[in-house]
Amino acid sequence: MSDIKKKTTYNHAFDIGWALSNSQYEDAMDCLEHEKEKVFEALKKRVEDLRTGRFHPNEYFEAIGHYDTFEEEQTDLTEGENDE
């Protein structure tokens, strides 16, 4: 018979700041609606720049915000599984 233990994990909600230049729209919501591909390309570039530390190695601490955390349902683990 295996020993069962509970592992507590957490769910963190983050947001990220980035900019999109050369939009055809004055209103940001219009930009989101009509320039979807430009928005996602700019986001993808921002994430890559933060991941690689292109501008500053710790810039991601300023660019990524945290707004919520909650404890997830505990998972039953058989002893020895997923030990960190």
Protein backbone atom coordinates (compact mmCIF):
# COMPACT_ATOMS: atom_id res chain seq x y z
CA MET A 1 0.00 0.00 0.00
CA SER A 2 1.40 3.41 -1.00
CA ASP A 3 1.59 6.40 1.27
CA ILE A 4 -0.60 9.19 -0.06
CA LYS A 5 0.37 12.78 0.56
CA LYS A 6 -1.11 16.09 -0.50
CA LYS A 7 0.88 18.64 -2.44
CA THR A 8 -0.32 22.21 -2.25
CA THR A 9 0.02 24.24 -5.42
CA TYR A 10 -0.96 27.80 -6.27
CA ASN A 11 -2.43 29.57 -9.26
CA HIS A 12 -1.01 33.05 -9.94
CA ALA A 13 -2.64 35.56 -12.28
CA PHE A 14 -0.28 37.98 -14.04
CA ASP A 15 -0.59 40.77 -16.56
CA ILE A 16 2.05 42.24 -18.82
CA GLY A 17 2.66 45.70 -20.23
CA TRP A 18 3.59 46.27 -23.85
CA ALA A 19 3.08 48.84 -26.55
CA LEU A 20 1.92 48.72 -30.13
CA SER A 21 3.12 51.51 -32.42
CA ASN A 22 1.92 52.56 -35.87
CA SER A 23 -1.72 51.75 -35.20
CA GLN A 24 -4.26 53.15 -37.64
CA TYR A 25 -6.70 53.77 -34.78
CA GLU A 26 -6.81 56.46 -32.10
CA ASP A 27 -8.92 54.30 -29.77
CA ALA A 28 -7.12 51.28 -28.28
CA MET A 29 -10.27 49.14 -28.35
CA ASP A 30 -10.60 49.78 -32.10
CA CYS A 31 -6.97 48.74 -32.45
CA LEU A 32 -7.70 45.49 -30.57
CA GLU A 33 -10.71 44.81 -32.74
CA HIS A 34 -9.22 45.65 -36.15
CA GLU A 35 -5.49 45.06 -35.75
CA LYS A 36 -5.49 41.74 -33.95
CA GLU A 37 -2.42 40.36 -35.74
CA LYS A 38 -0.40 43.53 -35.03
CA VAL A 39 -1.40 43.34 -31.35
CA PHE A 40 -0.29 39.72 -31.01
CA GLU A 41 2.94 40.29 -32.93
CA ALA A 42 3.80 43.20 -30.62
CA LEU A 43 2.98 41.06 -27.57
CA LYS A 44 5.06 38.18 -28.89
CA LYS A 45 8.02 40.52 -29.46
CA ARG A 46 7.65 42.01 -25.97
CA VAL A 47 7.58 38.57 -24.32
CA GLU A 48 10.68 37.50 -26.24
CA ASP A 49 12.51 40.72 -25.31
CA LEU A 50 11.64 40.17 -21.63
CA ARG A 51 12.54 36.48 -21.74
CA THR A 52 15.97 37.11 -23.23
CA GLY A 53 16.74 40.24 -21.21
CA ARG A 54 17.33 42.17 -24.43
CA PHE A 55 17.11 45.58 -22.75
CA HIS A 56 17.85 44.73 -19.12
CA PRO A 57 18.11 41.30 -17.47
CA ASN A 58 15.52 42.08 -14.78
CA GLU A 59 13.17 44.29 -16.79
CA TYR A 60 10.48 41.62 -16.57
CA PHE A 61 10.02 42.44 -12.86
CA GLU A 62 8.68 45.85 -13.88
CA ALA A 63 6.80 44.70 -16.98
CA ILE A 64 4.89 41.82 -15.38
CA GLY A 65 2.32 42.55 -12.71
CA HIS A 66 0.59 40.19 -10.31
CA TYR A 67 -3.04 40.67 -9.39
CA ASP A 68 -4.32 37.45 -7.83
CA THR A 69 -3.23 34.17 -6.25
CA PHE A 70 -5.28 31.29 -4.99
CA GLU A 71 -4.55 27.86 -3.61
CA GLU A 72 -5.48 25.14 -6.05
CA GLU A 73 -7.23 21.97 -5.08
CA GLN A 74 -4.72 19.65 -3.53
CA THR A 75 -3.57 16.72 -5.59
CA ASP A 76 -3.07 13.26 -4.18
CA LEU A 77 0.44 12.06 -4.93
CA THR A 78 1.86 8.66 -4.36
CA GLU A 79 5.06 9.03 -2.35
CA GLY A 80 8.01 9.50 -4.67
CA GLU A 81 5.96 10.90 -7.57
CA ASN A 82 6.69 14.47 -8.67
CA ASP A 83 8.99 15.19 -5.71
CA GLU A 84 10.87 18.41 -6.23
